[in-house]
């Protein structure tokens, strides 16, 4: 039942389209998907497809299929360098094969599908927390966030060695800084436990975001948020200078 709920949530965000198909590029070109693991259930495939589409919906607007000469792959999906939805050590699929009717298909390796099925177990145990992350991103992205009372900001921001009073004092500047970026719903692979934070075991989510640089060029990154006081909050100051999020 929880997997069904997860599928409904992801489909409601960006949909699945046709079975085993994702869409990429400025004109939403279709691309079939091929799973190396033939033992995946229909529901697992649906969840992976929905999550791949979530990643490609905005980040994949500049993606292009490029041919290549290889003994195994006929082409690859050329994406923006950083996938802001995935942790640094997980690569978004790019290799393209020919399927059984000689059409291009994006290959999902068994390693990646195994990573997804492990993540589904987390969702089953924490579906309310995952749903709350989508709600958090939706609100942070809305015009309502800009106009929240400054006294409410400690509900959305957690800063290392900083009191709630200090967060409120700096609220105007913080809100302005946060609204310089556009935020997107996280991947199911974006939920990770890290040693950094106020507790011994900290649950973080990588919130994908982009900044418009010029023309159709966007700079992509992620902004980590932490589950704290039974709600999601953007986390400031929990990494040393130059240290990235390490799953």
Protein backbone atom coordinates (compact mmCIF):
# COMPACT_ATOMS: atom_id res chain seq x y z
CA UNK A 1 0.00 0.00 0.00
CA UNK A 2 2.79 2.45 0.86
CA UNK A 3 4.47 1.86 -2.50
CA UNK A 4 1.16 2.64 -4.18
CA UNK A 5 1.01 5.90 -2.22
CA UNK A 6 4.58 6.70 -3.27
CA UNK A 7 3.76 6.05 -6.92
CA UNK A 8 0.70 8.28 -6.70
CA UNK A 9 2.77 11.09 -5.15
CA UNK A 10 5.49 10.94 -7.79
CA UNK A 11 2.99 10.59 -10.63
CA UNK A 12 1.07 13.56 -9.29
CA UNK A 13 4.28 15.61 -9.38
CA UNK A 14 5.30 14.92 -12.96
CA UNK A 15 3.60 11.76 -14.20
CA UNK A 16 4.95 8.63 -15.81
CA UNK A 17 3.79 9.06 -19.38
CA UNK A 18 3.78 5.82 -21.32
CA UNK A 19 5.05 2.65 -19.73
CA UNK A 20 8.87 2.43 -19.62
CA UNK A 21 9.32 5.90 -21.13
CA UNK A 22 10.84 9.13 -19.80
CA UNK A 23 10.89 12.58 -21.36
CA UNK A 24 13.84 14.93 -21.71
CA UNK A 25 14.90 18.06 -23.57
CA UNK A 26 13.27 21.40 -24.25
CA UNK A 27 10.54 19.76 -26.35
CA UNK A 28 9.95 16.75 -24.07
CA UNK A 29 11.42 14.10 -26.36
CA UNK A 30 10.49 10.57 -25.37
CA UNK A 31 13.06 7.91 -24.55
CA UNK A 32 12.38 4.32 -23.62
CA UNK A 33 13.89 2.85 -20.46
CA UNK A 34 15.50 -0.57 -20.22
CA UNK A 35 16.09 -2.26 -16.84
CA UNK A 36 19.06 -4.62 -16.59
CA UNK A 37 17.40 -6.38 -13.65
CA UNK A 38 14.58 -8.31 -15.28
CA UNK A 39 13.27 -9.43 -11.88
CA UNK A 40 12.07 -5.97 -10.84
CA UNK A 41 8.38 -5.82 -9.99
CA UNK A 42 6.00 -3.64 -11.96
CA UNK A 43 5.55 -1.32 -8.99
CA UNK A 44 9.32 -0.95 -8.51
CA UNK A 45 9.74 -0.09 -12.20
CA UNK A 46 6.93 2.44 -11.96
CA UNK A 47 8.54 4.14 -8.96
CA UNK A 48 11.96 4.28 -10.63
CA UNK A 49 10.45 5.67 -13.83
CA UNK A 50 8.55 8.31 -11.87
CA UNK A 51 11.68 9.33 -9.98
CA UNK A 52 13.78 9.48 -13.16
CA UNK A 53 11.12 11.70 -14.70
CA UNK A 54 11.09 13.92 -11.63
CA UNK A 55 14.83 14.44 -12.11
CA UNK A 56 14.55 15.11 -15.85
CA UNK A 57 11.50 17.38 -15.70
CA UNK A 58 13.52 20.57 -15.20
CA UNK A 59 17.17 19.52 -14.94
CA UNK A 60 16.79 17.51 -18.17
CA UNK A 61 15.48 20.41 -20.28
CA UNK A 62 18.95 20.83 -21.81
CA UNK A 63 19.65 17.09 -22.16
CA UNK A 64 20.40 15.70 -25.60
CA UNK A 65 20.88 12.21 -27.04
CA UNK A 66 24.27 11.86 -28.69
CA UNK A 67 25.44 8.85 -30.68
CA UNK A 68 28.64 7.03 -29.79
CA UNK A 69 30.77 4.14 -31.00
CA UNK A 70 30.93 1.42 -28.39
CA UNK A 71 30.65 -2.35 -28.37
CA UNK A 72 27.67 -2.17 -26.01
CA UNK A 73 26.11 1.29 -26.17
CA UNK A 74 24.84 3.10 -29.26
CA UNK A 75 24.31 6.52 -27.69
CA UNK A 76 24.22 8.40 -24.40
CA UNK A 77 22.02 10.98 -22.73
CA UNK A 78 24.12 14.11 -22.43
CA UNK A 79 22.92 15.83 -19.24
CA UNK A 80 24.01 18.89 -17.29
CA UNK A 81 27.16 17.94 -15.37
CA UNK A 82 25.64 17.69 -11.89
CA UNK A 83 22.39 15.88 -11.16
CA UNK A 84 21.09 17.96 -8.23
CA UNK A 85 18.64 15.23 -7.21
CA UNK A 86 21.21 12.50 -6.49
CA UNK A 87 23.90 12.29 -3.78
CA UNK A 88 27.41 12.87 -5.21
CA UNK A 89 28.39 9.20 -5.42
CA UNK A 90 25.31 8.16 -7.43
CA UNK A 91 25.29 8.82 -11.19
CA UNK A 92 22.14 9.48 -13.17
CA UNK A 93 21.84 6.90 -16.00
CA UNK A 94 23.19 8.01 -19.36
CA UNK A 95 24.02 4.89 -21.41
CA UNK A 96 21.59 4.08 -24.24
CA UNK A 97 21.12 0.65 -25.81
CA UNK A 98 18.95 -0.75 -28.58
CA UNK A 99 15.91 -2.60 -27.27
CA UNK A 100 14.27 -5.70 -28.75
CA UNK A 101 12.57 -3.65 -31.48
CA UNK A 102 15.78 -1.78 -32.34
CA UNK A 103 14.81 1.47 -30.63
CA UNK A 104 16.86 3.60 -28.26
CA UNK A 105 16.40 2.84 -24.56
CA UNK A 106 18.05 4.44 -21.53
CA UNK A 107 19.69 1.66 -19.52
CA UNK A 108 19.10 1.49 -15.77
CA UNK A 109 21.85 -0.65 -14.28
CA UNK A 110 21.15 -3.26 -11.63
CA UNK A 111 23.29 -1.26 -9.22
CA UNK A 112 21.07 1.80 -9.62
CA UNK A 113 17.81 -0.16 -9.44
CA UNK A 114 19.11 -1.90 -6.28
CA UNK A 115 19.84 1.53 -4.80
CA UNK A 116 16.28 2.53 -5.59
CA UNK A 117 14.71 -0.58 -4.08
CA UNK A 118 16.73 -0.02 -0.90
CA UNK A 119 15.40 3.55 -0.85
CA UNK A 120 11.84 2.23 -1.17
CA UNK A 121 12.32 0.41 2.12
CA UNK A 122 13.11 3.77 3.72
CA UNK A 123 9.96 5.24 2.22
CA UNK A 124 7.82 2.41 3.56
CA UNK A 125 9.10 3.13 7.08
CA UNK A 126 9.02 6.93 6.77
CA UNK A 127 6.33 7.85 4.24
CA UNK A 128 5.07 10.76 6.36
CA UNK A 129 8.58 12.26 6.46
CA UNK A 130 8.98 11.91 2.69
CA UNK A 131 5.60 13.50 2.05
CA UNK A 132 6.57 16.32 4.42
CA UNK A 133 9.69 16.95 2.31
CA UNK A 134 7.57 17.47 -0.82
CA UNK A 135 5.30 19.80 1.15
CA UNK A 136 8.31 21.71 2.50
CA UNK A 137 9.72 22.29 -0.98
CA UNK A 138 6.32 23.30 -2.30
CA UNK A 139 5.94 25.94 0.40
CA UNK A 140 9.51 27.23 0.16
CA UNK A 141 8.92 27.69 -3.58
CA UNK A 142 5.65 29.56 -3.15
CA UNK A 143 5.03 33.33 -2.87
CA UNK A 144 3.64 32.70 0.62
CA UNK A 145 7.11 31.90 1.94
CA UNK A 146 8.46 35.33 1.08
CA UNK A 147 5.78 36.94 3.24
CA UNK A 148 5.98 34.75 6.35
CA UNK A 149 6.35 36.59 9.67
CA UNK A 150 10.02 36.76 10.60
CA UNK A 151 9.14 35.00 13.84
CA UNK A 152 8.19 31.90 11.80
CA UNK A 153 11.57 31.49 10.10
CA UNK A 154 13.01 29.15 12.80
CA UNK A 155 10.39 26.65 11.53
CA UNK A 156 12.17 26.56 8.17
CA UNK A 157 15.84 27.24 8.97
CA UNK A 158 18.29 25.61 11.37
CA UNK A 159 21.68 27.29 11.74
CA UNK A 160 24.61 25.84 13.64
CA UNK A 161 25.45 27.65 16.88
CA UNK A 162 22.64 30.13 16.25
CA UNK A 163 19.62 30.71 18.49
CA UNK A 164 16.06 31.09 17.23
CA UNK A 165 16.21 34.74 18.27
CA UNK A 166 19.28 35.27 16.10
CA UNK A 167 17.59 33.53 13.16
CA UNK A 168 14.62 35.87 13.55
CA UNK A 169 16.90 38.92 13.71
CA UNK A 170 18.52 37.92 10.39
CA UNK A 171 15.23 36.75 8.82
CA UNK A 172 14.90 39.41 6.13
CA UNK A 173 18.39 38.75 4.78
CA UNK A 174 17.96 34.95 5.00
CA UNK A 175 14.62 34.93 3.20
CA UNK A 176 16.04 37.12 0.44
CA UNK A 177 19.00 34.75 0.07
CA UNK A 178 16.77 31.68 -0.09
CA UNK A 179 14.46 33.18 -2.71
CA UNK A 180 17.33 33.77 -5.16
CA UNK A 181 17.06 30.10 -6.14
CA UNK A 182 14.33 27.91 -7.61
CA UNK A 183 13.63 24.69 -5.72
CA UNK A 184 12.41 21.33 -7.01
CA UNK A 185 10.98 18.18 -5.36
CA UNK A 186 13.70 15.78 -4.17
CA UNK A 187 14.48 12.36 -5.54
CA UNK A 188 13.76 9.35 -3.36
CA UNK A 189 17.54 8.84 -3.45
CA UNK A 190 18.06 12.28 -1.92
CA UNK A 191 17.20 11.16 1.62
CA UNK A 192 20.42 10.34 3.46
CA UNK A 193 21.72 9.96 7.01
CA UNK A 194 24.86 11.98 7.74
CA UNK A 195 27.07 12.57 10.78
CA UNK A 196 26.79 16.34 10.30
CA UNK A 197 24.08 18.02 12.35
CA UNK A 198 22.80 18.56 15.87
CA UNK A 199 22.20 14.86 16.65
CA UNK A 200 24.24 11.66 16.46
CA UNK A 201 22.09 10.44 13.56
CA UNK A 202 20.78 13.09 11.22
CA UNK A 203 18.33 12.63 8.36
CA UNK A 204 18.95 15.05 5.53
CA UNK A 205 17.32 15.55 2.13
CA UNK A 206 19.05 17.12 -0.85
CA UNK A 207 16.67 19.75 -2.19
CA UNK A 208 17.52 20.37 -5.87
CA UNK A 209 17.80 24.02 -6.85
CA UNK A 210 18.84 26.19 -9.77
CA UNK A 211 19.97 29.75 -10.32
CA UNK A 212 19.40 31.50 -13.64
CA UNK A 213 22.77 32.65 -14.98
CA UNK A 214 22.08 33.89 -18.51
CA UNK A 215 19.91 32.98 -21.48
CA UNK A 216 18.88 29.34 -21.10
CA UNK A 217 21.86 28.53 -18.87
CA UNK A 218 21.15 27.56 -15.28
CA UNK A 219 23.54 26.65 -12.50
CA UNK A 220 22.38 23.51 -10.68
CA UNK A 221 23.08 22.46 -7.12
CA UNK A 222 21.29 21.16 -4.05
CA UNK A 223 20.48 22.74 -0.71
CA UNK A 224 20.45 20.21 2.18
CA UNK A 225 17.51 20.30 4.58
CA UNK A 226 17.42 18.44 7.88
CA UNK A 227 14.54 16.67 9.66
CA UNK A 228 14.52 18.46 13.02
CA UNK A 229 11.72 19.03 15.56
CA UNK A 230 9.44 16.88 13.38
CA UNK A 231 9.73 19.16 10.37
CA UNK A 232 12.13 19.92 7.52
CA UNK A 233 14.47 22.89 7.80
CA UNK A 234 17.24 24.19 5.59
CA UNK A 235 20.51 23.55 7.40
CA UNK A 236 23.18 26.24 7.57
CA UNK A 237 26.73 25.95 8.87
CA UNK A 238 26.95 22.19 9.43
CA UNK A 239 29.85 21.67 7.01
CA UNK A 240 33.35 23.04 7.12
CA UNK A 241 34.33 25.41 4.32
CA UNK A 242 34.78 23.47 1.10
CA UNK A 243 33.34 20.22 2.48
CA UNK A 244 30.52 18.78 0.42
CA UNK A 245 27.67 16.51 1.42
CA UNK A 246 29.10 13.01 1.73
CA UNK A 247 26.60 10.13 1.81
